[in-house]
Structures are given as C-alpha cells and as structure tokens.
Amino acid sequence: MKTELVTTLKRQATQVLKELKDKKEPVLITEHGKPSAYLVDVEHFEKLNKKLALLEGLARGEKAIQEGRIISNEDAKKRMNRWLK
C-alpha cells in the first residue's frame, strides 16, 4: 500500500488521484507522521460497502436466530412472494 503525506495530497492531488485510479491500490494519508485517512478508488469503495451490508445482514440474521425470532421455510417463501409481486 502506498503512503502519502497530507501535504503531498494537497499539492499533487491530481497526480495522487491518477495513480489511485490507474493502480487501484489504496493510499494511506498521514498527518504529522500518523495515519489520517485512506483513499480508495470508487469501485473498491462500492465493493467494500456491499460486503459490509452483507455482513451486517448476516449478523442481524444470527441475532434473530439466537433470540428465537425465526419462521418456517414455507412462511418465508410466502413473505418473499408478497415482496416480489
């Protein structure tokens, strides 16, 4: 992963963004020698958000099972059919 100073980003934003777009490699931005932010290309960011949404859905499902909030497969199919119509 590439690391850039925040001052480099300020002075050469166009070049940093071009390299980010070309290489598809996240860039760690540092301020005063400490990590401050990550720059990622749009495609990578959107994939991460989709993965996060999926993981959150799985976590909600596991919690529902642990709490006993479950329904039969047949009831689930009926509910899904209502949404798909």
C-alpha atoms as a PDB file:
ATOM      1  CA  MET A   1       0.000   0.000   0.000  1.00  0.00           C
ATOM      2  CA  LYS A   2       1.234   3.436  -0.885  1.00  0.00           C
ATOM      3  CA  THR A   3       1.622   6.098   1.816  1.00  0.00           C
ATOM      4  CA  GLU A   4       1.486   9.829   1.137  1.00  0.00           C
ATOM      5  CA  LEU A   5       1.803  12.901   3.321  1.00  0.00           C
ATOM      6  CA  VAL A   6      -1.257  15.110   3.544  1.00  0.00           C
ATOM      7  CA  THR A   7       0.879  17.961   2.160  1.00  0.00           C
ATOM      8  CA  THR A   8       1.653  15.840  -0.908  1.00  0.00           C
ATOM      9  CA  LEU A   9      -2.064  15.259  -1.373  1.00  0.00           C
ATOM     10  CA  LYS A  10      -2.701  18.996  -1.119  1.00  0.00           C
ATOM     11  CA  ARG A  11      -0.001  19.873  -3.625  1.00  0.00           C
ATOM     12  CA  GLN A  12      -0.364  16.968  -6.040  1.00  0.00           C
ATOM     13  CA  ALA A  13      -3.973  15.845  -5.680  1.00  0.00           C
ATOM     14  CA  THR A  14      -4.439  15.300  -9.402  1.00  0.00           C
ATOM     15  CA  GLN A  15      -1.358  13.060  -9.644  1.00  0.00           C
ATOM     16  CA  VAL A  16      -2.259  11.082  -6.490  1.00  0.00           C
ATOM     17  CA  LEU A  17      -5.787  10.510  -7.802  1.00  0.00           C
ATOM     18  CA  LYS A  18      -4.476   9.482 -11.229  1.00  0.00           C
ATOM     19  CA  GLU A  19      -2.182   6.886  -9.654  1.00  0.00           C
ATOM     20  CA  LEU A  20      -5.039   5.684  -7.455  1.00  0.00           C
ATOM     21  CA  LYS A  21      -7.259   5.244 -10.495  1.00  0.00           C
ATOM     22  CA  ASP A  22      -4.527   3.513 -12.522  1.00  0.00           C
ATOM     23  CA  LYS A  23      -3.148   1.195  -9.845  1.00  0.00           C
ATOM     24  CA  LYS A  24      -6.368   0.542  -7.879  1.00  0.00           C
ATOM     25  CA  GLU A  25      -4.228   0.466  -4.745  1.00  0.00           C
ATOM     26  CA  PRO A  26      -5.419   2.261  -1.568  1.00  0.00           C
ATOM     27  CA  VAL A  27      -3.331   5.209  -0.424  1.00  0.00           C
ATOM     28  CA  LEU A  28      -2.720   5.854   3.260  1.00  0.00           C
ATOM     29  CA  ILE A  29      -2.629   9.575   4.020  1.00  0.00           C
ATOM     30  CA  THR A  30      -0.547  10.607   7.012  1.00  0.00           C
ATOM     31  CA  GLU A  31      -0.564  13.804   9.046  1.00  0.00           C
ATOM     32  CA  HIS A  32       2.340  14.572  11.361  1.00  0.00           C
ATOM     33  CA  GLY A  33       3.604  11.009  10.847  1.00  0.00           C
ATOM     34  CA  LYS A  34       0.320   9.397  11.915  1.00  0.00           C
ATOM     35  CA  PRO A  35      -2.322   7.677   9.765  1.00  0.00           C
ATOM     36  CA  SER A  36      -5.123  10.097   8.976  1.00  0.00           C
ATOM     37  CA  ALA A  37      -7.200   8.641   6.134  1.00  0.00           C
ATOM     38  CA  TYR A  38      -7.315   6.127   3.314  1.00  0.00           C
ATOM     39  CA  LEU A  39      -8.014   6.990  -0.286  1.00  0.00           C
ATOM     40  CA  VAL A  40      -9.607   4.191  -2.291  1.00  0.00           C
ATOM     41  CA  ASP A  41     -10.971   4.130  -5.815  1.00  0.00           C
ATOM     42  CA  VAL A  42     -14.742   4.239  -6.266  1.00  0.00           C
ATOM     43  CA  GLU A  43     -15.060   0.610  -7.414  1.00  0.00           C
ATOM     44  CA  HIS A  44     -13.159  -0.678  -4.377  1.00  0.00           C
ATOM     45  CA  PHE A  45     -15.214   1.509  -2.035  1.00  0.00           C
ATOM     46  CA  GLU A  46     -18.508   0.299  -3.503  1.00  0.00           C
ATOM     47  CA  LYS A  47     -17.416  -3.356  -3.207  1.00  0.00           C
ATOM     48  CA  LEU A  48     -16.457  -2.802   0.418  1.00  0.00           C
ATOM     49  CA  ASN A  49     -19.858  -1.254   1.127  1.00  0.00           C
ATOM     50  CA  LYS A  50     -21.664  -4.201  -0.470  1.00  0.00           C
ATOM     51  CA  LYS A  51     -19.598  -6.656   1.570  1.00  0.00           C
ATOM     52  CA  LEU A  52     -20.287  -4.677   4.735  1.00  0.00           C
ATOM     53  CA  ALA A  53     -24.032  -4.651   4.043  1.00  0.00           C
ATOM     54  CA  LEU A  54     -23.970  -8.417   3.519  1.00  0.00           C
ATOM     55  CA  LEU A  55     -22.055  -8.977   6.762  1.00  0.00           C
ATOM     56  CA  GLU A  56     -24.466  -6.727   8.651  1.00  0.00           C
ATOM     57  CA  GLY A  57     -27.402  -8.709   7.261  1.00  0.00           C
ATOM     58  CA  LEU A  58     -25.794 -11.978   8.329  1.00  0.00           C
ATOM     59  CA  ALA A  59     -25.172 -10.578  11.815  1.00  0.00           C
ATOM     60  CA  ARG A  60     -28.829  -9.495  12.098  1.00  0.00           C
ATOM     61  CA  GLY A  61     -29.910 -12.962  10.977  1.00  0.00           C
ATOM     62  CA  GLU A  62     -27.687 -14.679  13.526  1.00  0.00           C
ATOM     63  CA  LYS A  63     -29.009 -12.398  16.265  1.00  0.00           C
ATOM     64  CA  ALA A  64     -32.601 -13.175  15.243  1.00  0.00           C
ATOM     65  CA  ILE A  65     -31.866 -16.909  15.451  1.00  0.00           C
ATOM     66  CA  GLN A  66     -30.297 -16.506  18.890  1.00  0.00           C
ATOM     67  CA  GLU A  67     -33.370 -14.571  20.048  1.00  0.00           C
ATOM     68  CA  GLY A  68     -35.698 -17.220  18.663  1.00  0.00           C
ATOM     69  CA  ARG A  69     -37.179 -14.917  16.033  1.00  0.00           C
ATOM     70  CA  ILE A  70     -37.424 -17.487  13.264  1.00  0.00           C
ATOM     71  CA  ILE A  71     -40.098 -18.577  10.810  1.00  0.00           C
ATOM     72  CA  SER A  72     -40.632 -21.704   8.781  1.00  0.00           C
ATOM     73  CA  ASN A  73     -39.306 -22.039   5.258  1.00  0.00           C
ATOM     74  CA  GLU A  74     -42.869 -22.079   3.952  1.00  0.00           C
ATOM     75  CA  ASP A  75     -43.750 -18.816   5.724  1.00  0.00           C
ATOM     76  CA  ALA A  76     -40.547 -17.244   4.425  1.00  0.00           C
ATOM     77  CA  LYS A  77     -41.482 -18.199   0.858  1.00  0.00           C
ATOM     78  CA  LYS A  78     -44.933 -16.657   1.290  1.00  0.00           C
ATOM     79  CA  ARG A  79     -43.444 -13.403   2.568  1.00  0.00           C
ATOM     80  CA  MET A  80     -40.913 -13.310  -0.258  1.00  0.00           C
ATOM     81  CA  ASN A  81     -43.650 -13.862  -2.843  1.00  0.00           C
ATOM     82  CA  ARG A  82     -45.515 -10.828  -1.495  1.00  0.00           C
ATOM     83  CA  TRP A  83     -42.432  -8.659  -1.971  1.00  0.00           C
ATOM     84  CA  LEU A  84     -41.775  -9.943  -5.473  1.00  0.00           C
ATOM     85  CA  LYS A  85     -45.256  -9.248  -6.821  1.00  0.00           C
END
